[in-house]
């Protein structure tokens, strides 16, 4: 009796397992895997948001529409240890340059609208400090203006200088802090490392808050290198953006 009951339960379990397998197979047939770059980079969207257009004031930056050269450089930096973030390093550690370029070009090609900026409660003095540093820099400290490299509209310069607008305040603070501490590196000469070391903590806070609150211009795209205005003051030579050398006044 017990043997018959056990045998019956076994047959029932087998039937259930077969049914699950059949249903799983049918589901898989209904939604086949598409081997496209869009599907292969879905892992990126878990942090960077749908289509890489991070929204809100979350820490992770937007990558949609960033210059392909910049995205490729950063992916390679994570892989090669010049940027330290274990999740990113783990994702790209085994990827070759060709695949990293494919990922970079995919996200760079996404032309998507930006969300409205967040309002920032800044004092007049803080605003003046930020505007001066962003647009004029400080020649006495050999500190280039942000616009000297990132463009007058701060939307970036092709092929490898990123825009600064639309980035979370905390992300800007964290990256400048990483450069200041030596945790983040770029190809020598590392112009951002120099900028970060010269800026005081209050200046970093003012600049990041001001940038975070700025609306995007009508044209949100990075500008060609030829459109980069000859800024007054100094511009650091950047190993990660050699195209700026030709535009240095």
Protein backbone atom coordinates (compact mmCIF):
# COMPACT_ATOMS: atom_id res chain seq x y z
CA UNK A 1 0.00 0.00 0.00
CA UNK A 2 2.74 2.44 1.00
CA UNK A 3 4.79 1.42 -2.01
CA UNK A 4 1.86 2.06 -4.32
CA UNK A 5 1.24 5.45 -2.69
CA UNK A 6 4.88 6.43 -3.01
CA UNK A 7 4.90 5.28 -6.61
CA UNK A 8 1.81 7.36 -7.29
CA UNK A 9 3.40 10.46 -5.75
CA UNK A 10 6.52 9.89 -7.81
CA UNK A 11 4.49 9.70 -11.01
CA UNK A 12 2.66 12.90 -9.99
CA UNK A 13 5.98 14.72 -9.39
CA UNK A 14 7.27 13.56 -12.76
CA UNK A 15 4.11 14.80 -14.46
CA UNK A 16 4.38 18.16 -12.76
CA UNK A 17 8.03 18.50 -13.77
CA UNK A 18 7.21 17.59 -17.36
CA UNK A 19 4.42 20.16 -17.39
CA UNK A 20 6.76 22.85 -16.04
CA UNK A 21 9.35 21.98 -18.66
CA UNK A 22 6.79 22.12 -21.44
CA UNK A 23 5.43 25.47 -20.26
CA UNK A 24 8.96 26.85 -19.89
CA UNK A 25 9.82 25.70 -23.38
CA UNK A 26 6.67 27.25 -24.79
CA UNK A 27 7.45 30.53 -22.99
CA UNK A 28 10.99 30.50 -24.34
CA UNK A 29 9.67 29.87 -27.85
CA UNK A 30 7.25 32.78 -27.47
CA UNK A 31 10.00 35.18 -26.39
CA UNK A 32 13.25 34.12 -28.05
CA UNK A 33 16.52 35.77 -27.13
CA UNK A 34 17.59 38.38 -29.66
CA UNK A 35 21.33 38.68 -29.97
CA UNK A 36 21.42 42.45 -30.40
CA UNK A 37 23.58 45.07 -28.74
CA UNK A 38 20.43 46.61 -27.23
CA UNK A 39 19.64 43.38 -25.43
CA UNK A 40 23.23 42.65 -24.46
CA UNK A 41 23.61 45.99 -22.67
CA UNK A 42 20.46 45.59 -20.57
CA UNK A 43 22.77 44.93 -17.63
CA UNK A 44 23.93 48.55 -17.92
CA UNK A 45 20.39 49.89 -17.55
CA UNK A 46 20.00 48.41 -14.08
CA UNK A 47 22.04 51.34 -12.75
CA UNK A 48 22.09 53.88 -15.58
CA UNK A 49 18.34 53.72 -16.24
CA UNK A 50 16.32 52.75 -19.27
CA UNK A 51 18.35 53.35 -22.43
CA UNK A 52 21.10 54.80 -20.25
CA UNK A 53 19.15 57.99 -19.55
CA UNK A 54 19.42 58.09 -15.77
CA UNK A 55 16.76 60.36 -14.33
CA UNK A 56 16.22 62.07 -11.02
CA UNK A 57 18.95 62.75 -8.51
CA UNK A 58 20.19 59.16 -8.28
CA UNK A 59 23.96 58.73 -8.07
CA UNK A 60 24.52 56.96 -11.38
CA UNK A 61 25.21 59.21 -14.38
CA UNK A 62 23.43 59.38 -17.70
CA UNK A 63 25.37 57.68 -20.49
CA UNK A 64 22.89 58.07 -23.36
CA UNK A 65 24.17 60.57 -25.91
CA UNK A 66 27.62 60.96 -24.36
CA UNK A 67 30.50 61.14 -26.89
CA UNK A 68 31.52 57.66 -27.99
CA UNK A 69 35.20 58.42 -27.40
CA UNK A 70 34.50 59.40 -23.81
CA UNK A 71 32.38 56.31 -23.10
CA UNK A 72 35.03 54.05 -24.62
CA UNK A 73 37.78 55.67 -22.55
CA UNK A 74 35.80 55.19 -19.34
CA UNK A 75 34.92 51.57 -20.07
CA UNK A 76 38.58 50.90 -20.76
CA UNK A 77 39.61 52.76 -17.61
CA UNK A 78 37.31 50.58 -15.50
CA UNK A 79 38.69 47.46 -17.15
CA UNK A 80 42.31 48.55 -16.75
CA UNK A 81 42.03 49.82 -13.18
CA UNK A 82 42.23 53.58 -13.78
CA UNK A 83 38.74 53.92 -12.35
CA UNK A 84 37.72 51.94 -9.28
CA UNK A 85 34.16 50.68 -8.98
CA UNK A 86 33.87 46.94 -8.43
CA UNK A 87 30.53 46.49 -10.18
CA UNK A 88 31.74 48.17 -13.36
CA UNK A 89 35.11 46.47 -13.22
CA UNK A 90 33.47 43.07 -12.93
CA UNK A 91 31.23 43.72 -15.91
CA UNK A 92 33.97 44.79 -18.32
CA UNK A 93 37.01 42.90 -17.01
CA UNK A 94 36.94 40.30 -19.80
CA UNK A 95 35.77 42.51 -22.67
CA UNK A 96 38.16 43.49 -25.48
CA UNK A 97 38.48 46.96 -26.99
CA UNK A 98 36.27 46.16 -29.99
CA UNK A 99 33.37 45.15 -27.76
CA UNK A 100 33.86 48.20 -25.53
CA UNK A 101 33.75 50.41 -28.63
CA UNK A 102 30.51 48.73 -29.72
CA UNK A 103 28.93 49.44 -26.33
CA UNK A 104 30.19 53.04 -26.40
CA UNK A 105 28.84 53.71 -29.89
CA UNK A 106 25.48 52.21 -29.00
CA UNK A 107 24.86 54.48 -26.02
CA UNK A 108 26.37 57.46 -27.81
CA UNK A 109 23.86 57.05 -30.64
CA UNK A 110 20.83 57.33 -28.33
CA UNK A 111 19.38 60.82 -28.81
CA UNK A 112 16.92 61.09 -25.93
CA UNK A 113 15.43 64.08 -24.08
CA UNK A 114 16.77 65.17 -20.71
CA UNK A 115 14.57 65.65 -17.64
CA UNK A 116 14.07 69.08 -16.15
CA UNK A 117 16.85 70.11 -13.74
CA UNK A 118 16.36 70.20 -10.00
CA UNK A 119 16.12 73.56 -8.29
CA UNK A 120 19.13 74.44 -6.15
CA UNK A 121 18.97 76.81 -3.21
CA UNK A 122 22.27 78.62 -3.60
CA UNK A 123 23.28 81.89 -2.02
CA UNK A 124 24.37 84.77 -4.24
CA UNK A 125 27.98 84.35 -3.12
CA UNK A 126 27.97 80.61 -3.87
CA UNK A 127 26.42 81.21 -7.27
CA UNK A 128 29.01 83.86 -8.12
CA UNK A 129 31.82 81.52 -7.05
CA UNK A 130 30.47 78.69 -9.20
CA UNK A 131 29.84 80.83 -12.28
CA UNK A 132 33.33 82.32 -12.08
CA UNK A 133 35.02 78.93 -11.82
CA UNK A 134 32.87 77.34 -14.53
CA UNK A 135 33.14 80.15 -17.07
CA UNK A 136 36.44 81.87 -16.27
CA UNK A 137 38.47 79.57 -14.04
CA UNK A 138 41.31 81.07 -12.03
CA UNK A 139 44.45 81.92 -14.03
CA UNK A 140 46.38 82.73 -10.84
CA UNK A 141 46.07 79.08 -9.81
CA UNK A 142 46.44 77.82 -13.39
CA UNK A 143 42.87 76.56 -13.13
CA UNK A 144 41.07 76.25 -16.45
CA UNK A 145 37.41 77.14 -16.77
CA UNK A 146 35.07 74.18 -17.21
CA UNK A 147 33.90 75.72 -20.47
CA UNK A 148 37.46 75.76 -21.84
CA UNK A 149 37.35 71.98 -22.27
CA UNK A 150 33.69 70.96 -21.95
CA UNK A 151 32.37 73.61 -24.34
CA UNK A 152 30.63 76.94 -23.86
CA UNK A 153 27.28 75.18 -23.43
CA UNK A 154 28.86 72.51 -21.17
CA UNK A 155 27.41 69.75 -23.38
CA UNK A 156 30.80 68.24 -24.24
CA UNK A 157 33.20 68.27 -27.18
CA UNK A 158 33.63 65.52 -29.76
CA UNK A 159 35.07 62.99 -29.78
CA UNK A 160 35.92 62.38 -26.12
CA UNK A 161 35.04 65.25 -23.76
CA UNK A 162 31.78 64.69 -21.86
CA UNK A 163 29.06 67.19 -21.06
CA UNK A 164 28.65 68.33 -17.46
CA UNK A 165 24.96 69.19 -17.48
CA UNK A 166 22.37 66.63 -16.49
CA UNK A 167 24.73 64.89 -14.05
CA UNK A 168 23.72 64.27 -10.41
CA UNK A 169 25.33 66.56 -7.88
CA UNK A 170 26.56 63.64 -5.78
CA UNK A 171 28.18 62.04 -8.81
CA UNK A 172 30.11 65.22 -9.67
CA UNK A 173 31.25 65.55 -6.05
CA UNK A 174 32.32 61.92 -5.94
CA UNK A 175 34.33 62.07 -9.16
CA UNK A 176 36.16 65.25 -8.22
CA UNK A 177 36.87 63.68 -4.84
CA UNK A 178 38.21 60.53 -6.53
CA UNK A 179 40.54 62.60 -8.69
CA UNK A 180 41.66 64.68 -5.70
CA UNK A 181 42.48 61.55 -3.68
CA UNK A 182 44.15 59.76 -6.59
CA UNK A 183 41.51 57.03 -6.74
CA UNK A 184 40.54 58.00 -10.28
CA UNK A 185 43.09 58.40 -13.06
CA UNK A 186 43.13 59.39 -16.70
CA UNK A 187 45.89 59.28 -19.29
CA UNK A 188 48.75 61.65 -18.51
CA UNK A 189 48.78 64.57 -18.41
CA UNK A 190 45.69 64.12 -16.23
CA UNK A 191 44.05 67.54 -16.45
CA UNK A 192 41.10 66.66 -14.20
CA UNK A 193 43.42 65.49 -11.46
CA UNK A 194 45.04 68.95 -11.52
CA UNK A 195 41.66 70.69 -11.44
CA UNK A 196 40.42 68.56 -8.55
CA UNK A 197 43.55 69.13 -6.48
CA UNK A 198 43.39 72.89 -6.93
CA UNK A 199 39.70 73.24 -6.08
CA UNK A 200 38.78 73.60 -2.42
CA UNK A 201 35.99 71.54 -0.86
CA UNK A 202 33.68 74.58 -0.84
CA UNK A 203 34.43 75.26 -4.50
CA UNK A 204 33.68 71.66 -5.47
CA UNK A 205 30.37 71.85 -3.61
CA UNK A 206 29.43 75.14 -5.26
CA UNK A 207 30.30 73.99 -8.78
CA UNK A 208 28.49 70.65 -8.47
CA UNK A 209 25.35 72.28 -7.05
CA UNK A 210 25.31 74.95 -9.75
CA UNK A 211 25.85 72.49 -12.60
CA UNK A 212 23.12 70.20 -11.25
CA UNK A 213 20.62 73.06 -11.32
CA UNK A 214 21.31 74.24 -14.88
CA UNK A 215 18.78 73.58 -17.66
CA UNK A 216 19.95 71.89 -20.82
CA UNK A 217 20.20 74.08 -23.93
CA UNK A 218 18.02 73.42 -26.97
CA UNK A 219 20.94 71.59 -28.58
CA UNK A 220 22.11 69.03 -26.03
CA UNK A 221 24.72 67.40 -28.26
CA UNK A 222 28.47 67.59 -27.84
CA UNK A 223 29.99 70.13 -30.23
CA UNK A 224 32.70 69.43 -32.82
CA UNK A 225 36.21 70.33 -31.76
CA UNK A 226 36.24 73.18 -34.28
CA UNK A 227 33.37 74.84 -32.42
CA UNK A 228 35.30 75.04 -29.16
CA UNK A 229 35.82 78.72 -28.48
CA UNK A 230 39.30 79.96 -27.68
CA UNK A 231 38.80 80.59 -24.01
CA UNK A 232 40.68 83.19 -22.08
CA UNK A 233 43.05 82.08 -19.35
CA UNK A 234 44.53 78.59 -19.23
CA UNK A 235 43.52 75.20 -20.51
CA UNK A 236 45.18 72.08 -19.17
CA UNK A 237 46.60 69.64 -21.68
CA UNK A 238 44.57 66.46 -21.32
CA UNK A 239 46.01 63.05 -22.06
CA UNK A 240 42.52 61.56 -22.31
CA UNK A 241 41.42 64.21 -24.83
CA UNK A 242 44.38 64.91 -27.13
CA UNK A 243 42.11 66.77 -29.53
CA UNK A 244 42.10 69.68 -27.06
CA UNK A 245 45.79 70.26 -27.67
CA UNK A 246 45.11 71.50 -31.19
CA UNK A 247 42.48 73.88 -29.85
CA UNK A 248 44.59 75.24 -27.01
CA UNK A 249 45.06 79.00 -27.42
